[in-house]
Amino acid sequence: MPPISTRKSATIHDVARAVGMSKSTVSAALIGNSRHSEATRQAVLKAAQELGYEANYHAQGLRKQLNDIIGFFSPGLDLGVSTLKTQAITQRLSARGYNVPVLAYGCRENGEFYGQEELLADLRRQKPRAMICSTRNLQYERAQQELRRYLEDGGIAVCFDWPIAVETDAVLFDRVHNSYVATRHLLEMGHRDIGFYIPGLDISGNPRVEGFSQALSEWGLKPRAEWFFCGGFHLEAEREGRWLAEKFLQLHERPTAMAVVNDITALAFASQIKIAGIEIPRDLSLVGHDGRAAAEIGFLPLTTVTYPVEAIADAVVEMLESRLSGHSTGPARREIVLGHLIERQSVRRLS
């Protein structure tokens, strides 16, 4: 017998020959067609198992012009909120009986994603019943054009996270509001010297920065360039925190408070500056972002502004099912979700 890796997969024709039946009879028996006897079905299943035959349910779905596949596309996954959103949405759809293959493209160079259009085109050619797209890093026109082609062919799609120039249902997270709330809380607690950290290399036009600056402007303040940190860009948020601590400790004059995106980075930052003798909130007030469990049960009870993962997942699934059921047939819809502040012990009020 040849090695398993070189064996040719059994086909439906092999099963038909083994049981002495037609291909159509075998196909009907495999999918449980009631016009065949149970004895026939069991004989077919037994032969299929012995031959190692696996039915191509995707091909069956194409013949029916309907399948249970909901394609999930993400231009990239991180070790934090991005993956949590993917998990929450796919769990909800799986519980409703859908098959949800996830295609994620993690290849990047200098912070930029490449080759998204090829992966999205591959998903489009599989003709899923519907498609869900994370749009956080889906900013390339060629990739967006693949999504348009899918919609023009009659596909159903729901996007989430970030606005893009494609007319489709979308659930968007308001990052401007998120950072605005974090910064405003520090201002209301009496802080005027506030630093800000955000991951990434190119943050021009970033809504987090807009929210931070907007809050400061309401108090007649402007961001100080030396207290604005970006450019760490590691895959692990913990390493981002260590990088931020190194930069912070090099400052000649330090802010009294920091707003840090995200919670894991903020906690790693806090642990590193503690080694240098800086205590939170005694010496520095700190607000994180995302509302991760570590912010509540970690070594530092961290004030944070939540990232509403569950609300996003619920809204995405509701939009998708309303389209699939035919209840919604109008123009593209858009829903905005907001985070909220959770106060803990990492911020000190200044007199």
Protein backbone atom coordinates (compact mmCIF):
# COMPACT_ATOMS: atom_id res chain seq x y z
CA MET A 1 0.00 0.00 0.00
CA PRO A 2 1.46 3.43 -0.93
CA PRO A 3 2.06 6.02 1.79
CA ILE A 4 -1.04 7.89 2.88
CA SER A 5 0.33 11.19 1.62
CA THR A 6 0.44 9.85 -1.97
CA ARG A 7 -2.87 7.98 -2.06
CA LYS A 8 -5.53 9.37 -4.35
CA SER A 9 -8.72 10.37 -2.56
CA ALA A 10 -11.71 8.14 -3.17
CA THR A 11 -14.44 9.61 -5.38
CA ILE A 12 -18.18 9.12 -5.50
CA HIS A 13 -17.60 6.94 -8.60
CA ASP A 14 -15.45 4.60 -6.47
CA VAL A 15 -18.24 4.28 -3.91
CA ALA A 16 -20.81 3.60 -6.67
CA ARG A 17 -18.66 0.83 -8.14
CA ALA A 18 -18.12 -0.72 -4.71
CA VAL A 19 -21.85 -1.03 -3.96
CA GLY A 20 -22.99 -1.65 -7.54
CA MET A 21 -25.26 1.39 -7.65
CA SER A 22 -25.51 4.48 -9.81
CA LYS A 23 -23.75 7.69 -8.88
CA SER A 24 -27.08 9.47 -8.38
CA THR A 25 -28.29 6.76 -6.00
CA VAL A 26 -25.08 6.98 -3.96
CA SER A 27 -25.25 10.78 -3.86
CA ALA A 28 -28.87 10.73 -2.70
CA ALA A 29 -28.11 8.12 -0.03
CA LEU A 30 -25.16 10.13 1.31
CA ILE A 31 -27.31 13.21 1.89
CA GLY A 32 -30.13 11.15 3.43
CA ASN A 33 -32.70 11.29 0.63
CA SER A 34 -35.81 9.57 2.00
CA ARG A 35 -36.79 7.82 -1.26
CA HIS A 36 -34.04 5.25 -0.64
CA SER A 37 -34.29 2.51 1.98
CA GLU A 38 -32.28 2.56 5.16
CA ALA A 39 -30.51 -0.61 4.04
CA THR A 40 -29.33 1.15 0.87
CA ARG A 41 -28.16 4.17 2.87
CA GLN A 42 -26.22 2.02 5.34
CA ALA A 43 -24.55 0.05 2.54
CA VAL A 44 -23.44 3.29 0.88
CA LEU A 45 -22.18 4.81 4.15
CA LYS A 46 -20.26 1.63 4.97
CA ALA A 47 -18.56 1.58 1.56
CA ALA A 48 -17.76 5.29 1.77
CA GLN A 49 -16.17 4.82 5.18
CA GLU A 50 -14.10 1.84 4.07
CA LEU A 51 -12.85 3.71 0.99
CA GLY A 52 -12.15 6.91 2.94
CA TYR A 53 -14.55 8.94 0.80
CA GLU A 54 -15.37 12.48 1.98
CA ALA A 55 -18.32 14.27 0.42
CA ASN A 56 -17.67 17.66 -1.17
CA TYR A 57 -20.41 19.61 0.57
CA HIS A 58 -19.21 22.84 -1.00
CA ALA A 59 -19.81 21.42 -4.49
CA GLN A 60 -23.23 20.19 -3.36
CA GLY A 61 -24.06 23.69 -2.18
CA LEU A 62 -23.09 25.19 -5.52
CA ARG A 63 -25.38 22.77 -7.37
CA LYS A 64 -28.25 23.76 -5.11
CA GLN A 65 -27.32 27.45 -5.51
CA LEU A 66 -27.55 27.64 -1.72
CA ASN A 67 -25.22 26.60 1.06
CA ASP A 68 -24.68 27.20 4.73
CA ILE A 69 -21.24 28.77 4.29
CA ILE A 70 -20.73 32.26 5.74
CA GLY A 71 -17.26 33.35 4.67
CA PHE A 72 -15.39 35.38 7.29
CA PHE A 73 -12.58 37.56 5.97
CA SER A 74 -10.09 39.43 8.11
CA PRO A 75 -7.06 41.27 6.69
CA GLY A 76 -5.22 40.38 9.88
CA LEU A 77 -5.61 39.05 13.39
CA ASP A 78 -3.91 40.28 16.53
CA LEU A 79 -3.56 38.69 19.94
CA GLY A 80 -6.30 40.85 21.43
CA VAL A 81 -9.62 42.44 20.52
CA SER A 82 -9.47 41.55 16.82
CA THR A 83 -9.42 37.86 17.63
CA LEU A 84 -12.08 38.27 20.32
CA LYS A 85 -14.45 39.83 17.76
CA THR A 86 -13.77 37.03 15.30
CA GLN A 87 -14.43 34.45 17.99
CA ALA A 88 -17.66 36.10 19.18
CA ILE A 89 -19.14 36.40 15.67
CA THR A 90 -18.18 32.93 14.49
CA GLN A 91 -19.49 31.34 17.69
CA ARG A 92 -22.88 32.99 17.23
CA LEU A 93 -23.13 31.90 13.60
CA SER A 94 -21.95 28.36 14.32
CA ALA A 95 -24.61 28.07 17.02
CA ARG A 96 -27.19 28.93 14.33
CA GLY A 97 -25.99 26.08 12.12
CA TYR A 98 -23.75 27.99 9.71
CA ASN A 99 -20.35 26.83 8.52
CA VAL A 100 -17.96 29.76 9.03
CA PRO A 101 -14.50 29.32 7.51
CA VAL A 102 -12.16 32.15 8.54
CA LEU A 103 -9.65 33.55 6.06
CA ALA A 104 -7.13 35.87 7.70
CA TYR A 105 -4.14 37.46 6.06
CA GLY A 106 -1.35 38.24 8.51
CA CYS A 107 1.48 39.05 6.10
CA ARG A 108 2.62 42.61 6.50
CA GLU A 109 5.67 44.69 5.69
CA ASN A 110 6.48 47.88 7.60
CA GLY A 111 2.99 47.82 9.05
CA GLU A 112 1.31 47.52 5.64
CA PHE A 113 -0.81 44.58 4.49
CA TYR A 114 -0.27 43.11 1.02
CA GLY A 115 -2.04 40.47 -1.03
CA GLN A 116 -5.47 41.01 0.53
CA GLU A 117 -7.19 41.04 -2.84
CA GLU A 118 -5.97 37.52 -3.73
CA LEU A 119 -7.32 36.07 -0.49
CA LEU A 120 -10.62 37.93 -0.79
CA ALA A 121 -10.95 36.85 -4.44
CA ASP A 122 -10.43 33.24 -3.39
CA LEU A 123 -13.25 33.54 -0.86
CA ARG A 124 -15.50 35.22 -3.46
CA ARG A 125 -14.94 32.40 -5.95
CA GLN A 126 -16.14 29.88 -3.36
CA LYS A 127 -19.57 31.57 -3.61
CA PRO A 128 -20.45 31.58 0.08
CA ARG A 129 -24.06 32.23 0.99
CA ALA A 130 -22.91 35.45 2.66
CA MET A 131 -19.70 37.16 3.69
CA ILE A 132 -18.54 38.98 6.81
CA CYS A 133 -15.55 41.31 6.48
CA SER A 134 -13.43 42.88 9.16
CA THR A 135 -12.41 46.19 7.64
CA ARG A 136 -9.85 47.45 10.16
CA ASN A 137 -7.01 46.96 7.67
CA LEU A 138 -9.05 46.56 4.50
CA GLN A 139 -8.01 49.93 3.12
CA TYR A 140 -6.64 48.92 -0.29
CA GLU A 141 -8.77 49.70 -3.33
CA ARG A 142 -8.06 46.40 -5.10
CA ALA A 143 -9.21 44.45 -2.06
CA GLN A 144 -12.35 46.55 -1.75
CA GLN A 145 -13.04 46.00 -5.45
CA GLU A 146 -13.16 42.23 -4.83
CA LEU A 147 -15.84 42.85 -2.21
CA ARG A 148 -17.79 44.99 -4.70
CA ARG A 149 -17.63 42.20 -7.28
CA TYR A 150 -19.10 39.79 -4.76
CA LEU A 151 -21.96 42.20 -4.03
CA GLU A 152 -22.56 42.86 -7.74
CA ASP A 153 -22.91 39.11 -8.26
CA GLY A 154 -25.77 39.10 -5.77
CA GLY A 155 -23.82 38.29 -2.63
CA ILE A 156 -24.77 39.41 0.88
CA ALA A 157 -22.09 41.04 3.02
CA VAL A 158 -21.83 42.71 6.41
CA CYS A 159 -18.71 44.68 7.29
CA PHE A 160 -17.64 45.67 10.76
CA ASP A 161 -15.13 47.81 12.60
CA TRP A 162 -13.97 50.53 10.17
CA PRO A 163 -15.69 52.56 7.43
CA ILE A 164 -14.74 51.75 3.82
CA ALA A 165 -15.93 53.03 0.44
CA VAL A 166 -18.19 50.04 -0.27
CA GLU A 167 -21.98 50.24 -0.01
CA THR A 168 -22.81 47.39 2.33
CA ASP A 169 -24.30 46.83 5.77
CA ALA A 170 -21.80 47.84 8.42
CA VAL A 171 -21.32 47.84 12.19
CA LEU A 172 -18.76 50.48 13.09
CA PHE A 173 -16.87 51.08 16.33
CA ASP A 174 -16.46 54.77 17.21
CA ARG A 175 -12.77 55.09 18.08
CA VAL A 176 -12.96 58.89 18.23
CA HIS A 177 -15.48 58.65 21.05
CA ASN A 178 -13.44 55.94 22.77
CA SER A 179 -10.27 58.00 23.16
CA TYR A 180 -12.26 61.17 23.78
CA VAL A 181 -13.94 59.54 26.81
CA ALA A 182 -10.60 58.32 28.20
CA THR A 183 -8.96 61.73 27.84
CA ARG A 184 -11.96 63.66 29.12
CA HIS A 185 -11.99 61.55 32.28
CA LEU A 186 -8.39 62.52 33.02
CA LEU A 187 -9.21 66.18 32.39
CA GLU A 188 -12.20 66.01 34.73
CA MET A 189 -9.92 64.52 37.38
CA GLY A 190 -7.78 67.68 37.23
CA HIS A 191 -5.00 66.56 34.88
CA ARG A 192 -3.73 68.99 32.26
CA ASP A 193 -0.40 67.37 31.40
CA ILE A 194 -1.56 64.24 29.57
CA GLY A 195 0.40 61.85 27.39
CA PHE A 196 -1.02 59.51 24.78
CA TYR A 197 0.13 56.22 23.28
CA ILE A 198 -1.19 54.46 20.19
CA PRO A 199 0.40 51.52 18.34
CA GLY A 200 1.38 51.75 14.72
CA LEU A 201 3.80 53.46 12.39
CA ASP A 202 1.55 55.55 10.18
CA ILE A 203 -1.20 57.06 12.35
CA SER A 204 -2.09 60.01 10.15
CA GLY A 205 -5.84 60.52 10.27
CA ASN A 206 -6.21 57.97 13.08
CA PRO A 207 -9.54 58.48 14.89
CA ARG A 208 -7.96 57.67 18.27
CA VAL A 209 -5.70 60.68 17.84
CA GLU A 210 -8.69 62.78 16.83
CA GLY A 211 -10.57 61.85 19.99
CA PHE A 212 -7.57 62.63 22.20
CA SER A 213 -7.01 66.01 20.56
CA GLN A 214 -10.72 66.87 20.63
CA ALA A 215 -10.93 66.38 24.40
CA LEU A 216 -7.84 68.51 25.01
CA SER A 217 -9.15 71.31 22.79
CA GLU A 218 -12.31 71.60 24.91
CA TRP A 219 -10.05 72.57 27.82
CA GLY A 220 -8.03 74.94 25.65
CA LEU A 221 -5.08 72.54 25.48
CA LYS A 222 -2.99 71.08 22.67
CA PRO A 223 -1.10 67.77 22.54
CA ARG A 224 2.58 68.09 23.40
CA ALA A 225 4.71 66.36 20.79
CA GLU A 226 7.12 64.87 23.35
CA TRP A 227 4.21 63.26 25.22
CA PHE A 228 2.74 61.66 22.12
CA PHE A 229 4.04 58.11 21.63
CA CYS A 230 3.69 55.86 18.60
CA GLY A 231 5.83 53.57 16.53
CA GLY A 232 6.43 50.61 18.81
CA PHE A 233 4.55 48.22 16.52
CA HIS A 234 5.27 44.79 17.97
CA LEU A 235 2.93 41.85 17.52
CA GLU A 236 2.68 41.43 21.28
CA ALA A 237 1.05 44.20 23.28
CA GLU A 238 3.25 43.39 26.26
CA ARG A 239 6.35 44.31 24.26
CA GLU A 240 4.62 47.53 23.24
CA GLY A 241 4.26 48.35 26.93
CA ARG A 242 7.94 47.77 27.59
CA TRP A 243 8.87 49.95 24.61
CA LEU A 244 6.57 52.69 25.88
CA ALA A 245 8.08 52.51 29.38
CA GLU A 246 11.58 52.94 27.95
CA LYS A 247 10.50 56.05 26.05
CA PHE A 248 8.59 57.44 29.03
CA LEU A 249 11.51 57.05 31.43
CA GLN A 250 13.75 58.98 29.05
CA LEU A 251 11.56 62.10 29.31
CA HIS A 252 13.11 65.12 31.01
CA GLU A 253 9.64 66.40 31.97
CA ARG A 254 6.85 63.87 32.38
CA PRO A 255 3.05 64.15 32.18
CA THR A 256 0.89 63.51 35.24
CA ALA A 257 -1.37 61.11 33.32
CA MET A 258 -1.28 58.75 30.34
CA ALA A 259 -4.03 57.43 28.06
CA VAL A 260 -2.76 54.18 26.55
CA VAL A 261 -4.21 52.03 23.78
CA ASN A 262 -4.71 49.17 24.87
CA ASP A 263 -5.22 47.57 28.33
CA ILE A 264 -2.49 44.93 27.94
CA THR A 265 0.00 47.54 26.76
CA ALA A 266 -1.04 49.83 29.63
CA LEU A 267 -0.52 47.09 32.23
CA ALA A 268 2.87 46.10 30.80
CA PHE A 269 3.84 49.79 30.81
CA ALA A 270 2.76 50.10 34.45
CA SER A 271 4.77 47.06 35.50
CA GLN A 272 7.92 48.38 33.82
CA ILE A 273 7.81 51.90 35.26
CA LYS A 274 7.09 50.42 38.70
CA ILE A 275 10.54 48.84 38.55
CA ALA A 276 11.90 52.36 38.15
CA GLY A 277 10.01 53.48 41.27
CA ILE A 278 7.01 55.14 39.63
CA GLU A 279 3.78 54.12 41.33
CA ILE A 280 0.29 54.27 39.82
CA PRO A 281 -1.76 56.29 40.64
CA ARG A 282 0.48 58.03 43.21
CA ASP A 283 2.99 59.32 40.64
CA LEU A 284 1.11 58.80 37.38
CA SER A 285 -2.55 58.30 36.50
CA LEU A 286 -3.30 55.76 33.79
CA VAL A 287 -6.31 54.97 31.58
CA GLY A 288 -6.37 52.00 29.23
CA HIS A 289 -8.62 51.05 26.34
CA ASP A 290 -10.67 47.93 25.46
CA GLY A 291 -12.02 46.72 28.82
CA ARG A 292 -10.09 43.44 28.83
CA ALA A 293 -10.40 41.04 31.75
CA ALA A 294 -6.80 41.76 32.75
CA ALA A 295 -7.79 45.36 33.48
CA GLU A 296 -10.16 44.11 36.16
CA ILE A 297 -8.35 41.15 37.68
CA GLY A 298 -4.69 41.93 36.94
CA PHE A 299 -2.15 43.32 39.39
CA LEU A 300 -3.46 46.86 38.77
CA PRO A 301 -7.22 47.64 38.78
CA LEU A 302 -7.12 49.70 35.59
CA THR A 303 -9.54 52.43 34.60
CA THR A 304 -10.46 51.72 30.99
CA VAL A 305 -12.87 52.51 28.16
CA THR A 306 -14.50 49.38 26.83
CA TYR A 307 -14.43 47.93 23.35
CA PRO A 308 -17.98 46.52 22.98
CA VAL A 309 -17.09 43.16 21.40
CA GLU A 310 -20.37 41.46 22.33
CA ALA A 311 -22.50 44.35 21.05
CA ILE A 312 -20.60 44.34 17.75
CA ALA A 313 -21.06 40.58 17.34
CA ASP A 314 -24.79 40.78 18.11
CA ALA A 315 -25.30 43.62 15.63
CA VAL A 316 -23.34 41.87 12.85
CA VAL A 317 -25.28 38.63 13.22
CA GLU A 318 -28.63 40.46 13.40
CA MET A 319 -27.88 42.39 10.20
CA LEU A 320 -26.73 39.26 8.42
CA GLU A 321 -29.72 37.12 9.39
CA SER A 322 -32.19 39.86 8.47
CA ARG A 323 -30.71 39.89 4.95
CA LEU A 324 -30.61 36.11 4.65
CA SER A 325 -34.24 35.81 5.76
CA GLY A 326 -35.37 38.50 3.33
CA HIS A 327 -36.75 40.73 6.08
CA SER A 328 -34.33 43.51 5.08
CA THR A 329 -34.20 44.37 1.40
CA GLY A 330 -33.54 48.10 1.43
CA PRO A 331 -30.33 50.13 1.12
CA ALA A 332 -27.19 49.48 3.12
CA ARG A 333 -27.54 50.04 6.85
CA ARG A 334 -24.99 51.40 9.29
CA GLU A 335 -24.87 51.01 13.07
CA ILE A 336 -22.42 52.80 15.38
CA VAL A 337 -21.39 51.18 18.66
CA LEU A 338 -19.79 53.06 21.56
CA GLY A 339 -17.59 52.05 24.46
CA HIS A 340 -18.07 53.29 28.02
CA LEU A 341 -15.79 54.25 30.88
CA ILE A 342 -15.12 51.86 33.76
CA GLU A 343 -13.51 53.65 36.71
CA ARG A 344 -11.07 51.75 38.91
CA GLN A 345 -8.02 52.65 41.00
CA SER A 346 -5.47 53.75 38.39
CA VAL A 347 -6.45 57.44 38.26
CA ARG A 348 -5.83 59.96 41.04
CA ARG A 349 -7.74 63.23 41.32
CA LEU A 350 -5.52 66.30 41.35
CA SER A 351 -6.43 69.26 43.48
